[in-house]
Amino acid sequence: MNRRTLFGSAMLAGLAASVRGDAAVAPQTQGDWPWLARYAEENRRLLATGVRPGIVFMGDSITEGWLRERPGFFTPGRIDRGISGQTTPQMLLRTMADVVALRPRVMHLMAGTNDIAGNTGPMTAEQTQANLTAMVQLARANGIRVLLATVPPAAGFPWRPGLATVGPIRMMNGWIRNHARTLGATLVDYDPVLDDGNGAMKPGLASDGVHPTGAGYDAMATVLAPVLRRLGV
């Protein structure tokens, strides 16, 4: 399968997942399912400066919370575009506006938690993988390097009681580790500093077993900071 065909297949899979999840859209994004309006004004102001960001962080609440918990990590040129609750089909639809249009040198992509939770409807692992593939390809096609991060561990999701999470997260992270290089992305593996060995967050690193505390983000930074220094972002 050539690159053009792979991109087309991934994009179609992502868009199909978007349609399936539309019925579960949150009231705050009704009529704007990917929530393109969320960062529209910030994007406009950033573009008006003419300054090219070093890196944009694309993701869900785990990414969004990083800026809130550790704002000092987001030095000039580091832009956070996480949105709480989002799934990969929503992020895929935001990639052009919230990443590519800003012309960053690098994109940090961390996603999949809410796909497993079914926040926008049932999704298969293959659909998530197709969406991740499409986002990586969109970025790389526009000259943006990609850091593809593993999904943080979680023994359960408070908003989905009883849902098995350890197995699906481990399976998704196995795919990310095996495919990051093939996709032309750099792997960022947070498991060594977050996982307690049983698929849960280490004590003190998450407020609810899912969302990192400040200490959790500090642990993640020990993995990411050397990569960012190497890239000059």
C-alpha atoms as a PDB file:
ATOM      1  CA  MET A   1       0.000   0.000   0.000  1.00  0.00           C
ATOM      2  CA  ASN A   2       1.492   3.355  -1.032  1.00  0.00           C
ATOM      3  CA  ARG A   3       1.525   6.439   1.161  1.00  0.00           C
ATOM      4  CA  ARG A   4      -1.346   8.128  -0.675  1.00  0.00           C
ATOM      5  CA  THR A   5      -3.556   5.054  -0.290  1.00  0.00           C
ATOM      6  CA  LEU A   6      -2.641   4.659   3.383  1.00  0.00           C
ATOM      7  CA  PHE A   7      -3.455   8.284   4.091  1.00  0.00           C
ATOM      8  CA  GLY A   8      -6.807   7.998   2.337  1.00  0.00           C
ATOM      9  CA  SER A   9      -7.751   4.850   4.225  1.00  0.00           C
ATOM     10  CA  ALA A  10      -6.779   6.362   7.561  1.00  0.00           C
ATOM     11  CA  MET A  11      -8.667   9.576   6.912  1.00  0.00           C
ATOM     12  CA  LEU A  12     -11.826   7.739   5.857  1.00  0.00           C
ATOM     13  CA  ALA A  13     -11.675   5.544   8.951  1.00  0.00           C
ATOM     14  CA  GLY A  14     -11.302   8.596  11.162  1.00  0.00           C
ATOM     15  CA  LEU A  15     -14.184  10.412   9.528  1.00  0.00           C
ATOM     16  CA  ALA A  16     -16.365   7.306   9.800  1.00  0.00           C
ATOM     17  CA  ALA A  17     -15.633   7.140  13.515  1.00  0.00           C
ATOM     18  CA  SER A  18     -16.577  10.805  13.762  1.00  0.00           C
ATOM     19  CA  VAL A  19     -19.997  10.150  12.265  1.00  0.00           C
ATOM     20  CA  ARG A  20     -20.608   7.221  14.624  1.00  0.00           C
ATOM     21  CA  GLY A  21     -19.797   9.334  17.654  1.00  0.00           C
ATOM     22  CA  ASP A  22     -21.860  12.355  16.681  1.00  0.00           C
ATOM     23  CA  ALA A  23     -24.877  11.296  18.708  1.00  0.00           C
ATOM     24  CA  ALA A  24     -22.796  11.390  21.890  1.00  0.00           C
ATOM     25  CA  VAL A  25     -21.500  14.923  21.384  1.00  0.00           C
ATOM     26  CA  ALA A  26     -21.254  17.037  24.537  1.00  0.00           C
ATOM     27  CA  PRO A  27     -23.737  19.927  24.776  1.00  0.00           C
ATOM     28  CA  GLN A  28     -20.881  22.471  24.870  1.00  0.00           C
ATOM     29  CA  THR A  29     -19.810  21.423  21.374  1.00  0.00           C
ATOM     30  CA  GLN A  30     -23.222  20.916  19.816  1.00  0.00           C
ATOM     31  CA  GLY A  31     -22.940  22.085  16.222  1.00  0.00           C
ATOM     32  CA  ASP A  32     -19.135  22.161  16.451  1.00  0.00           C
ATOM     33  CA  TRP A  33     -18.364  18.520  17.159  1.00  0.00           C
ATOM     34  CA  PRO A  34     -14.554  18.773  17.043  1.00  0.00           C
ATOM     35  CA  TRP A  35     -14.790  22.093  18.950  1.00  0.00           C
ATOM     36  CA  LEU A  36     -12.875  24.097  16.388  1.00  0.00           C
ATOM     37  CA  ALA A  37     -14.055  27.265  18.125  1.00  0.00           C
ATOM     38  CA  ARG A  38     -12.239  26.386  21.352  1.00  0.00           C
ATOM     39  CA  TYR A  39      -8.849  27.697  20.241  1.00  0.00           C
ATOM     40  CA  ALA A  40      -9.907  29.730  17.194  1.00  0.00           C
ATOM     41  CA  GLU A  41      -9.246  33.128  18.775  1.00  0.00           C
ATOM     42  CA  GLU A  42      -5.959  32.051  20.362  1.00  0.00           C
ATOM     43  CA  ASN A  43      -4.880  30.648  17.003  1.00  0.00           C
ATOM     44  CA  ARG A  44      -5.802  33.901  15.280  1.00  0.00           C
ATOM     45  CA  ARG A  45      -3.750  35.937  17.747  1.00  0.00           C
ATOM     46  CA  LEU A  46      -0.781  33.594  17.454  1.00  0.00           C
ATOM     47  CA  LEU A  47      -0.840  33.689  13.665  1.00  0.00           C
ATOM     48  CA  ALA A  48      -1.037  37.485  13.736  1.00  0.00           C
ATOM     49  CA  THR A  49       2.345  37.611  15.490  1.00  0.00           C
ATOM     50  CA  GLY A  50       4.006  35.864  12.583  1.00  0.00           C
ATOM     51  CA  VAL A  51       5.989  33.757  15.050  1.00  0.00           C
ATOM     52  CA  ARG A  52       6.289  30.053  14.303  1.00  0.00           C
ATOM     53  CA  PRO A  53       5.778  27.899  17.435  1.00  0.00           C
ATOM     54  CA  GLY A  54       8.371  25.345  18.362  1.00  0.00           C
ATOM     55  CA  ILE A  55       5.862  22.683  19.341  1.00  0.00           C
ATOM     56  CA  VAL A  56       2.103  22.165  19.626  1.00  0.00           C
ATOM     57  CA  PHE A  57       0.723  19.608  22.075  1.00  0.00           C
ATOM     58  CA  MET A  58      -2.377  17.894  20.648  1.00  0.00           C
ATOM     59  CA  GLY A  59      -4.478  15.787  22.971  1.00  0.00           C
ATOM     60  CA  ASP A  60      -7.280  15.432  25.477  1.00  0.00           C
ATOM     61  CA  SER A  61      -7.658  16.407  29.159  1.00  0.00           C
ATOM     62  CA  ILE A  62      -4.292  14.881  30.031  1.00  0.00           C
ATOM     63  CA  THR A  63      -2.662  17.319  27.617  1.00  0.00           C
ATOM     64  CA  GLU A  64      -4.934  20.198  28.634  1.00  0.00           C
ATOM     65  CA  GLY A  65      -4.174  19.603  32.309  1.00  0.00           C
ATOM     66  CA  TRP A  66      -0.426  19.801  31.711  1.00  0.00           C
ATOM     67  CA  LEU A  67      -0.652  23.539  31.072  1.00  0.00           C
ATOM     68  CA  ARG A  68      -2.856  24.054  34.129  1.00  0.00           C
ATOM     69  CA  GLU A  69      -0.694  22.009  36.502  1.00  0.00           C
ATOM     70  CA  ARG A  70       2.712  23.000  35.179  1.00  0.00           C
ATOM     71  CA  PRO A  71       2.406  26.299  33.262  1.00  0.00           C
ATOM     72  CA  GLY A  72       6.146  26.876  33.643  1.00  0.00           C
ATOM     73  CA  PHE A  73       6.803  23.919  31.354  1.00  0.00           C
ATOM     74  CA  PHE A  74       5.095  25.806  28.533  1.00  0.00           C
ATOM     75  CA  THR A  75       7.826  28.284  27.789  1.00  0.00           C
ATOM     76  CA  PRO A  76       7.414  30.609  24.771  1.00  0.00           C
ATOM     77  CA  GLY A  77       6.988  28.524  21.654  1.00  0.00           C
ATOM     78  CA  ARG A  78       5.286  25.617  23.427  1.00  0.00           C
ATOM     79  CA  ILE A  79       1.568  25.630  22.667  1.00  0.00           C
ATOM     80  CA  ASP A  80      -1.091  23.479  24.367  1.00  0.00           C
ATOM     81  CA  ARG A  81      -4.095  22.408  22.290  1.00  0.00           C
ATOM     82  CA  GLY A  82      -5.604  19.742  24.530  1.00  0.00           C
ATOM     83  CA  ILE A  83      -9.372  19.518  25.012  1.00  0.00           C
ATOM     84  CA  SER A  84     -10.919  17.554  27.850  1.00  0.00           C
ATOM     85  CA  GLY A  85     -12.934  14.498  26.881  1.00  0.00           C
ATOM     86  CA  GLN A  86     -11.900  14.409  23.240  1.00  0.00           C
ATOM     87  CA  THR A  87     -11.411  11.318  21.149  1.00  0.00           C
ATOM     88  CA  THR A  88      -9.068  10.823  18.196  1.00  0.00           C
ATOM     89  CA  PRO A  89     -11.724  11.485  15.513  1.00  0.00           C
ATOM     90  CA  GLN A  90     -12.360  14.891  17.067  1.00  0.00           C
ATOM     91  CA  MET A  91      -8.624  15.609  17.230  1.00  0.00           C
ATOM     92  CA  LEU A  92      -8.184  14.518  13.632  1.00  0.00           C
ATOM     93  CA  LEU A  93     -10.754  17.099  12.579  1.00  0.00           C
ATOM     94  CA  ARG A  94      -8.876  19.738  14.617  1.00  0.00           C
ATOM     95  CA  THR A  95      -5.402  18.924  13.319  1.00  0.00           C
ATOM     96  CA  MET A  96      -5.409  21.382  10.418  1.00  0.00           C
ATOM     97  CA  ALA A  97      -6.696  24.353  12.443  1.00  0.00           C
ATOM     98  CA  ASP A  98      -4.998  23.709  15.782  1.00  0.00           C
ATOM     99  CA  VAL A  99      -1.673  22.319  14.565  1.00  0.00           C
ATOM    100  CA  VAL A 100      -0.870  22.553  10.863  1.00  0.00           C
ATOM    101  CA  ALA A 101      -2.121  26.122  10.388  1.00  0.00           C
ATOM    102  CA  LEU A 102       0.175  27.296  13.198  1.00  0.00           C
ATOM    103  CA  ARG A 103       3.221  25.914  11.322  1.00  0.00           C
ATOM    104  CA  PRO A 104       5.021  24.480  14.366  1.00  0.00           C
ATOM    105  CA  ARG A 105       8.275  22.627  13.978  1.00  0.00           C
ATOM    106  CA  VAL A 106       7.003  19.734  16.103  1.00  0.00           C
ATOM    107  CA  MET A 107       3.695  18.173  17.195  1.00  0.00           C
ATOM    108  CA  HIS A 108       3.385  16.138  20.418  1.00  0.00           C
ATOM    109  CA  LEU A 109       0.457  13.752  19.970  1.00  0.00           C
ATOM    110  CA  MET A 110      -0.946  11.852  22.956  1.00  0.00           C
ATOM    111  CA  ALA A 111      -4.404  10.364  22.498  1.00  0.00           C
ATOM    112  CA  GLY A 112      -6.509   7.264  22.934  1.00  0.00           C
ATOM    113  CA  THR A 113      -7.785   7.317  26.525  1.00  0.00           C
ATOM    114  CA  ASN A 114     -11.224   8.583  25.546  1.00  0.00           C
ATOM    115  CA  ASP A 115     -11.454   6.262  22.547  1.00  0.00           C
ATOM    116  CA  ILE A 116     -11.126   3.333  24.952  1.00  0.00           C
ATOM    117  CA  ALA A 117     -13.713   4.983  27.207  1.00  0.00           C
ATOM    118  CA  GLY A 118     -16.105   5.355  24.270  1.00  0.00           C
ATOM    119  CA  ASN A 119     -16.673   9.055  24.917  1.00  0.00           C
ATOM    120  CA  THR A 120     -18.055   9.646  21.427  1.00  0.00           C
ATOM    121  CA  GLY A 121     -19.381   6.163  20.859  1.00  0.00           C
ATOM    122  CA  PRO A 122     -17.882   2.687  20.485  1.00  0.00           C
ATOM    123  CA  MET A 123     -14.523   2.551  18.709  1.00  0.00           C
ATOM    124  CA  THR A 124     -12.226  -0.289  17.772  1.00  0.00           C
ATOM    125  CA  ALA A 125      -8.476  -0.193  18.332  1.00  0.00           C
ATOM    126  CA  GLU A 126      -8.038  -0.206  14.561  1.00  0.00           C
ATOM    127  CA  GLN A 127     -10.100   2.966  14.228  1.00  0.00           C
ATOM    128  CA  THR A 128      -7.981   4.711  16.849  1.00  0.00           C
ATOM    129  CA  GLN A 129      -4.833   3.560  15.094  1.00  0.00           C
ATOM    130  CA  ALA A 130      -6.129   4.863  11.774  1.00  0.00           C
ATOM    131  CA  ASN A 131      -6.825   8.274  13.306  1.00  0.00           C
ATOM    132  CA  LEU A 132      -3.375   8.441  14.896  1.00  0.00           C
ATOM    133  CA  THR A 133      -1.862   7.465  11.566  1.00  0.00           C
ATOM    134  CA  ALA A 134      -3.804  10.169   9.761  1.00  0.00           C
ATOM    135  CA  MET A 135      -2.758  12.873  12.238  1.00  0.00           C
ATOM    136  CA  VAL A 136       0.894  11.880  11.958  1.00  0.00           C
ATOM    137  CA  GLN A 137       0.687  11.895   8.175  1.00  0.00           C
ATOM    138  CA  LEU A 138      -1.048  15.281   8.070  1.00  0.00           C
ATOM    139  CA  ALA A 139       1.670  16.789  10.216  1.00  0.00           C
ATOM    140  CA  ARG A 140       4.568  15.204   8.353  1.00  0.00           C
ATOM    141  CA  ALA A 141       3.104  16.159   4.973  1.00  0.00           C
ATOM    142  CA  ASN A 142       3.310  19.756   6.159  1.00  0.00           C
ATOM    143  CA  GLY A 143       6.906  19.581   7.340  1.00  0.00           C
ATOM    144  CA  ILE A 144       6.095  19.046  11.039  1.00  0.00           C
ATOM    145  CA  ARG A 145       8.037  16.507  13.078  1.00  0.00           C
ATOM    146  CA  VAL A 146       5.879  14.266  15.262  1.00  0.00           C
ATOM    147  CA  LEU A 147       6.416  12.994  18.783  1.00  0.00           C
ATOM    148  CA  LEU A 148       3.977  10.111  19.237  1.00  0.00           C
ATOM    149  CA  ALA A 149       3.355   9.457  22.924  1.00  0.00           C
ATOM    150  CA  THR A 150       2.043   6.379  24.675  1.00  0.00           C
ATOM    151  CA  VAL A 151      -1.317   6.466  26.418  1.00  0.00           C
ATOM    152  CA  PRO A 152      -0.834   7.025  30.177  1.00  0.00           C
ATOM    153  CA  PRO A 153      -1.683   3.968  32.295  1.00  0.00           C
ATOM    154  CA  ALA A 154      -4.967   3.697  34.163  1.00  0.00           C
ATOM    155  CA  ALA A 155      -6.504   0.867  36.181  1.00  0.00           C
ATOM    156  CA  GLY A 156      -9.957   2.290  35.515  1.00  0.00           C
ATOM    157  CA  PHE A 157     -11.856   5.356  34.348  1.00  0.00           C
ATOM    158  CA  PRO A 158     -13.998   7.068  37.025  1.00  0.00           C
ATOM    159  CA  TRP A 159     -16.541   8.139  34.411  1.00  0.00           C
ATOM    160  CA  ARG A 160     -16.840   4.555  33.031  1.00  0.00           C
ATOM    161  CA  PRO A 161     -17.147   2.314  36.123  1.00  0.00           C
ATOM    162  CA  GLY A 162     -16.369  -1.327  35.458  1.00  0.00           C
ATOM    163  CA  LEU A 163     -14.724  -0.772  32.079  1.00  0.00           C
ATOM    164  CA  ALA A 164     -11.581  -2.826  31.526  1.00  0.00           C
ATOM    165  CA  THR A 165      -8.752  -0.409  30.759  1.00  0.00           C
ATOM    166  CA  VAL A 166      -5.388  -2.020  31.448  1.00  0.00           C
ATOM    167  CA  GLY A 167      -5.509  -4.494  28.565  1.00  0.00           C
ATOM    168  CA  PRO A 168      -6.726  -2.013  25.924  1.00  0.00           C
ATOM    169  CA  ILE A 169      -4.191   0.628  26.979  1.00  0.00           C
ATOM    170  CA  ARG A 170      -1.343  -1.887  26.890  1.00  0.00           C
ATOM    171  CA  MET A 171      -2.457  -3.105  23.477  1.00  0.00           C
ATOM    172  CA  MET A 172      -2.641   0.447  22.129  1.00  0.00           C
ATOM    173  CA  ASN A 173       0.772   1.297  23.535  1.00  0.00           C
ATOM    174  CA  GLY A 174       2.226  -1.849  21.989  1.00  0.00           C
ATOM    175  CA  TRP A 175       0.943  -0.676  18.625  1.00  0.00           C
ATOM    176  CA  ILE A 176       2.377   2.821  19.172  1.00  0.00           C
ATOM    177  CA  ARG A 177       5.797   1.408  20.089  1.00  0.00           C
ATOM    178  CA  ASN A 178       5.799  -0.878  17.074  1.00  0.00           C
ATOM    179  CA  HIS A 179       4.586   1.697  14.555  1.00  0.00           C
ATOM    180  CA  ALA A 180       5.996   5.071  15.587  1.00  0.00           C
ATOM    181  CA  ARG A 181       9.173   4.655  13.550  1.00  0.00           C
ATOM    182  CA  THR A 182       7.291   3.184  10.586  1.00  0.00           C
ATOM    183  CA  LEU A 183       5.072   6.263  10.594  1.00  0.00           C
ATOM    184  CA  GLY A 184       8.113   8.528  10.695  1.00  0.00           C
ATOM    185  CA  ALA A 185       7.386   9.673  14.257  1.00  0.00           C
ATOM    186  CA  THR A 186       9.564   9.738  17.356  1.00  0.00           C
ATOM    187  CA  LEU A 187       8.291   7.536  20.177  1.00  0.00           C
ATOM    188  CA  VAL A 188       7.812   9.148  23.590  1.00  0.00           C
ATOM    189  CA  ASP A 189       7.153   6.350  26.092  1.00  0.00           C
ATOM    190  CA  TYR A 190       5.814   7.530  29.449  1.00  0.00           C
ATOM    191  CA  ASP A 191       5.167   4.054  30.891  1.00  0.00           C
ATOM    192  CA  PRO A 192       8.550   3.674  32.630  1.00  0.00           C
ATOM    193  CA  VAL A 193       7.863   6.714  34.831  1.00  0.00           C
ATOM    194  CA  LEU A 194       4.072   6.373  35.254  1.00  0.00           C
ATOM    195  CA  ASP A 195       3.142   2.675  35.331  1.00  0.00           C
ATOM    196  CA  ASP A 196       3.201   0.910  38.699  1.00  0.00           C
ATOM    197  CA  GLY A 197       3.872  -2.417  36.996  1.00  0.00           C
ATOM    198  CA  ASN A 198       0.230  -3.485  37.066  1.00  0.00           C
ATOM    199  CA  GLY A 199      -1.154  -1.043  34.529  1.00  0.00           C
ATOM    200  CA  ALA A 200      -2.122   1.653  37.026  1.00  0.00           C
ATOM    201  CA  MET A 201      -0.588   5.025  37.767  1.00  0.00           C
ATOM    202  CA  LYS A 202       2.104   5.024  40.443  1.00  0.00           C
ATOM    203  CA  PRO A 203       0.859   6.394  43.796  1.00  0.00           C
ATOM    204  CA  GLY A 204       0.777  10.164  43.905  1.00  0.00           C
ATOM    205  CA  LEU A 205       1.090  10.659  40.158  1.00  0.00           C
ATOM    206  CA  ALA A 206      -2.629  10.927  39.345  1.00  0.00           C
ATOM    207  CA  SER A 207      -5.513  12.668  41.074  1.00  0.00           C
ATOM    208  CA  ASP A 208      -8.112  10.097  40.028  1.00  0.00           C
ATOM    209  CA  GLY A 209      -6.051   7.273  38.596  1.00  0.00           C
ATOM    210  CA  VAL A 210      -6.131   8.887  35.142  1.00  0.00           C
ATOM    211  CA  HIS A 211      -5.227  12.571  35.228  1.00  0.00           C
ATOM    212  CA  PRO A 212      -1.676  13.373  36.313  1.00  0.00           C
ATOM    213  CA  THR A 213      -0.959  15.503  39.337  1.00  0.00           C
ATOM    214  CA  GLY A 214       1.819  18.061  39.183  1.00  0.00           C
ATOM    215  CA  ALA A 215       4.174  15.278  40.262  1.00  0.00           C
ATOM    216  CA  GLY A 216       2.851  13.140  37.421  1.00  0.00           C
ATOM    217  CA  TYR A 217       3.603  15.819  34.861  1.00  0.00           C
ATOM    218  CA  ASP A 218       7.038  16.317  36.403  1.00  0.00           C
ATOM    219  CA  ALA A 219       7.702  12.612  35.873  1.00  0.00           C
ATOM    220  CA  MET A 220       6.540  12.874  32.258  1.00  0.00           C
ATOM    221  CA  ALA A 221       8.807  15.867  31.759  1.00  0.00           C
ATOM    222  CA  THR A 222      11.846  13.782  32.692  1.00  0.00           C
ATOM    223  CA  VAL A 223      11.088  11.673  29.610  1.00  0.00           C
ATOM    224  CA  LEU A 224      10.092  14.493  27.272  1.00  0.00           C
ATOM    225  CA  ALA A 225      12.474  17.308  28.211  1.00  0.00           C
ATOM    226  CA  PRO A 226      15.600  15.634  26.771  1.00  0.00           C
ATOM    227  CA  VAL A 227      13.773  15.079  23.489  1.00  0.00           C
ATOM    228  CA  LEU A 228      12.675  18.719  23.339  1.00  0.00           C
ATOM    229  CA  ARG A 229      16.217  19.907  24.091  1.00  0.00           C
ATOM    230  CA  ARG A 230      17.558  17.753  21.291  1.00  0.00           C
ATOM    231  CA  LEU A 231      15.016  19.272  18.901  1.00  0.00           C
ATOM    232  CA  GLY A 232      15.578  22.788  20.155  1.00  0.00           C
ATOM    233  CA  VAL A 233      11.971  23.344  21.228  1.00  0.00           C
END
